[in-house]
C-alpha atoms as a PDB file:
ATOM      1  CA  UNK A   1      30.983  -1.476  28.474  1.00  0.00           C
ATOM      2  CA  UNK A   2      33.837  -1.636  26.033  1.00  0.00           C
ATOM      3  CA  UNK A   3      33.857  -3.893  23.012  1.00  0.00           C
ATOM      4  CA  UNK A   4      36.181  -4.135  20.087  1.00  0.00           C
ATOM      5  CA  UNK A   5      34.867  -4.484  16.563  1.00  0.00           C
ATOM      6  CA  UNK A   6      36.824  -5.730  13.569  1.00  0.00           C
ATOM      7  CA  UNK A   7      36.057  -3.693  10.460  1.00  0.00           C
ATOM      8  CA  UNK A   8      36.886  -4.725   6.937  1.00  0.00           C
ATOM      9  CA  UNK A   9      38.537  -2.219   4.611  1.00  0.00           C
ATOM     10  CA  UNK A  10      35.315  -1.181   2.873  1.00  0.00           C
ATOM     11  CA  UNK A  11      33.463  -0.584   6.135  1.00  0.00           C
ATOM     12  CA  UNK A  12      36.398   1.322   7.549  1.00  0.00           C
ATOM     13  CA  UNK A  13      36.410   3.593   4.491  1.00  0.00           C
ATOM     14  CA  UNK A  14      32.674   4.230   4.843  1.00  0.00           C
ATOM     15  CA  UNK A  15      33.127   4.930   8.551  1.00  0.00           C
ATOM     16  CA  UNK A  16      35.881   7.446   7.904  1.00  0.00           C
ATOM     17  CA  UNK A  17      33.708   9.147   5.241  1.00  0.00           C
ATOM     18  CA  UNK A  18      30.827   9.509   7.684  1.00  0.00           C
ATOM     19  CA  UNK A  19      33.161  10.683  10.465  1.00  0.00           C
ATOM     20  CA  UNK A  20      34.579  13.399   8.224  1.00  0.00           C
ATOM     21  CA  UNK A  21      31.067  14.374   7.131  1.00  0.00           C
ATOM     22  CA  UNK A  22      29.558  14.553  10.627  1.00  0.00           C
ATOM     23  CA  UNK A  23      32.675  15.717  12.480  1.00  0.00           C
ATOM     24  CA  UNK A  24      31.921  13.184  15.212  1.00  0.00           C
ATOM     25  CA  UNK A  25      34.263  10.656  16.790  1.00  0.00           C
ATOM     26  CA  UNK A  26      34.304   7.185  15.207  1.00  0.00           C
ATOM     27  CA  UNK A  27      32.909   5.646  18.419  1.00  0.00           C
ATOM     28  CA  UNK A  28      29.898   7.992  18.281  1.00  0.00           C
ATOM     29  CA  UNK A  29      29.209   7.136  14.649  1.00  0.00           C
ATOM     30  CA  UNK A  30      29.478   3.407  15.368  1.00  0.00           C
ATOM     31  CA  UNK A  31      27.071   3.735  18.318  1.00  0.00           C
ATOM     32  CA  UNK A  32      24.588   5.669  16.180  1.00  0.00           C
ATOM     33  CA  UNK A  33      24.838   3.096  13.407  1.00  0.00           C
ATOM     34  CA  UNK A  34      24.248   0.271  15.872  1.00  0.00           C
ATOM     35  CA  UNK A  35      21.258   2.010  17.410  1.00  0.00           C
ATOM     36  CA  UNK A  36      19.746   2.673  14.011  1.00  0.00           C
ATOM     37  CA  UNK A  37      20.477  -0.806  12.672  1.00  0.00           C
ATOM     38  CA  UNK A  38      19.737  -3.082  15.611  1.00  0.00           C
ATOM     39  CA  UNK A  39      15.935  -2.916  15.248  1.00  0.00           C
ATOM     40  CA  UNK A  40      16.287  -3.937  11.609  1.00  0.00           C
ATOM     41  CA  UNK A  41      18.479  -6.895  12.506  1.00  0.00           C
ATOM     42  CA  UNK A  42      16.133  -7.966  15.303  1.00  0.00           C
ATOM     43  CA  UNK A  43      13.116  -7.645  13.020  1.00  0.00           C
ATOM     44  CA  UNK A  44      14.612 -10.125  10.551  1.00  0.00           C
ATOM     45  CA  UNK A  45      14.526 -12.837  13.216  1.00  0.00           C
ATOM     46  CA  UNK A  46      11.032 -12.218  14.592  1.00  0.00           C
ATOM     47  CA  UNK A  47       8.280 -14.531  13.481  1.00  0.00           C
ATOM     48  CA  UNK A  48       5.590 -13.123  11.233  1.00  0.00           C
ATOM     49  CA  UNK A  49       2.165 -12.355  12.662  1.00  0.00           C
ATOM     50  CA  UNK A  50      -0.572 -14.883  11.909  1.00  0.00           C
ATOM     51  CA  UNK A  51      -3.270 -14.002   9.421  1.00  0.00           C
ATOM     52  CA  UNK A  52      -5.948 -11.817  10.986  1.00  0.00           C
ATOM     53  CA  UNK A  53      -3.730 -10.733  13.880  1.00  0.00           C
ATOM     54  CA  UNK A  54      -4.757  -7.084  13.552  1.00  0.00           C
ATOM     55  CA  UNK A  55      -8.378  -7.789  12.515  1.00  0.00           C
ATOM     56  CA  UNK A  56      -9.791  -6.503  15.805  1.00  0.00           C
ATOM     57  CA  UNK A  57      -7.865  -3.245  15.488  1.00  0.00           C
ATOM     58  CA  UNK A  58      -9.420  -2.303  12.150  1.00  0.00           C
ATOM     59  CA  UNK A  59     -13.201  -2.568  12.040  1.00  0.00           C
ATOM     60  CA  UNK A  60     -15.361  -2.084   8.975  1.00  0.00           C
ATOM     61  CA  UNK A  61     -15.407   1.432   7.581  1.00  0.00           C
ATOM     62  CA  UNK A  62     -19.100   2.373   7.689  1.00  0.00           C
ATOM     63  CA  UNK A  63     -18.632   5.411   5.472  1.00  0.00           C
ATOM     64  CA  UNK A  64     -16.907   3.371   2.775  1.00  0.00           C
ATOM     65  CA  UNK A  65     -19.561   0.646   2.893  1.00  0.00           C
ATOM     66  CA  UNK A  66     -22.301   3.279   2.500  1.00  0.00           C
ATOM     67  CA  UNK A  67     -20.455   4.911  -0.402  1.00  0.00           C
ATOM     68  CA  UNK A  68     -19.895   1.595  -2.185  1.00  0.00           C
ATOM     69  CA  UNK A  69     -23.525   0.535  -1.769  1.00  0.00           C
ATOM     70  CA  UNK A  70     -24.735   3.918  -3.052  1.00  0.00           C
ATOM     71  CA  UNK A  71     -22.384   3.709  -6.010  1.00  0.00           C
ATOM     72  CA  UNK A  72     -23.526   0.177  -6.802  1.00  0.00           C
ATOM     73  CA  UNK A  73     -27.205   1.117  -6.655  1.00  0.00           C
ATOM     74  CA  UNK A  74     -26.656   4.134  -8.930  1.00  0.00           C
ATOM     75  CA  UNK A  75     -24.978   1.902 -11.517  1.00  0.00           C
ATOM     76  CA  UNK A  76     -27.852  -0.577 -11.339  1.00  0.00           C
ATOM     77  CA  UNK A  77     -30.393   2.244 -11.688  1.00  0.00           C
ATOM     78  CA  UNK A  78     -28.542   3.656 -14.690  1.00  0.00           C
ATOM     79  CA  UNK A  79     -28.369   0.231 -16.303  1.00  0.00           C
ATOM     80  CA  UNK A  80     -32.077  -0.314 -15.697  1.00  0.00           C
ATOM     81  CA  UNK A  81     -32.852   3.096 -17.199  1.00  0.00           C
ATOM     82  CA  UNK A  82     -30.838   2.369 -20.314  1.00  0.00           C
ATOM     83  CA  UNK A  83     -32.461  -1.006 -20.678  1.00  0.00           C
ATOM     84  CA  UNK A  84     -35.966   0.447 -20.574  1.00  0.00           C
ATOM     85  CA  UNK A  85     -34.980   3.188 -23.056  1.00  0.00           C
ATOM     86  CA  UNK A  86     -33.604   0.648 -25.510  1.00  0.00           C
ATOM     87  CA  UNK A  87     -36.664  -1.559 -25.125  1.00  0.00           C
ATOM     88  CA  UNK A  88     -39.018   1.394 -25.727  1.00  0.00           C
ATOM     89  CA  UNK A  89     -37.057   2.484 -28.822  1.00  0.00           C
ATOM     90  CA  UNK A  90     -37.186  -1.016 -30.208  1.00  0.00           C
ATOM     91  CA  UNK A  91     -40.954  -1.137 -29.697  1.00  0.00           C
ATOM     92  CA  UNK A  92     -41.392   2.171 -31.534  1.00  0.00           C
ATOM     93  CA  UNK A  93     -39.550   0.749 -34.515  1.00  0.00           C
ATOM     94  CA  UNK A  94     -36.538   2.974 -34.278  1.00  0.00           C
ATOM     95  CA  UNK A  95     -34.299   2.635 -37.355  1.00  0.00           C
ATOM     96  CA  UNK A  96     -31.367   1.882 -35.078  1.00  0.00           C
ATOM     97  CA  UNK A  97     -33.012  -1.364 -34.057  1.00  0.00           C
ATOM     98  CA  UNK A  98     -34.498  -2.423 -37.362  1.00  0.00           C
ATOM     99  CA  UNK A  99     -33.534  -5.800 -38.687  1.00  0.00           C
ATOM    100  CA  UNK A 100     -34.080  -4.972 -42.350  1.00  0.00           C
ATOM    101  CA  UNK A 101     -31.081  -3.846 -44.345  1.00  0.00           C
ATOM    102  CA  UNK A 102     -31.246  -1.021 -46.891  1.00  0.00           C
END
């Protein structure tokens, strides 16, 4: 199928630069540019996918959930350990926790 395309001066200059670079005929370069660019143009006019469209394709990551729960429990254990250490030091009358000033 033959079609004619009107090119402005700037596009014609760019086309001639690419033709000289690739050593291809202008028709080949135009066809390649159309093939490369048509999906982009078509994509601009497609409607966006609704929220959750791909939800069934990506299930929960069991390994990540296990890692996050283990990390969370280690933080809680560390916090509990620090709390008991501070409480014990305060009961012993550690100078760090004394309320009297020198």
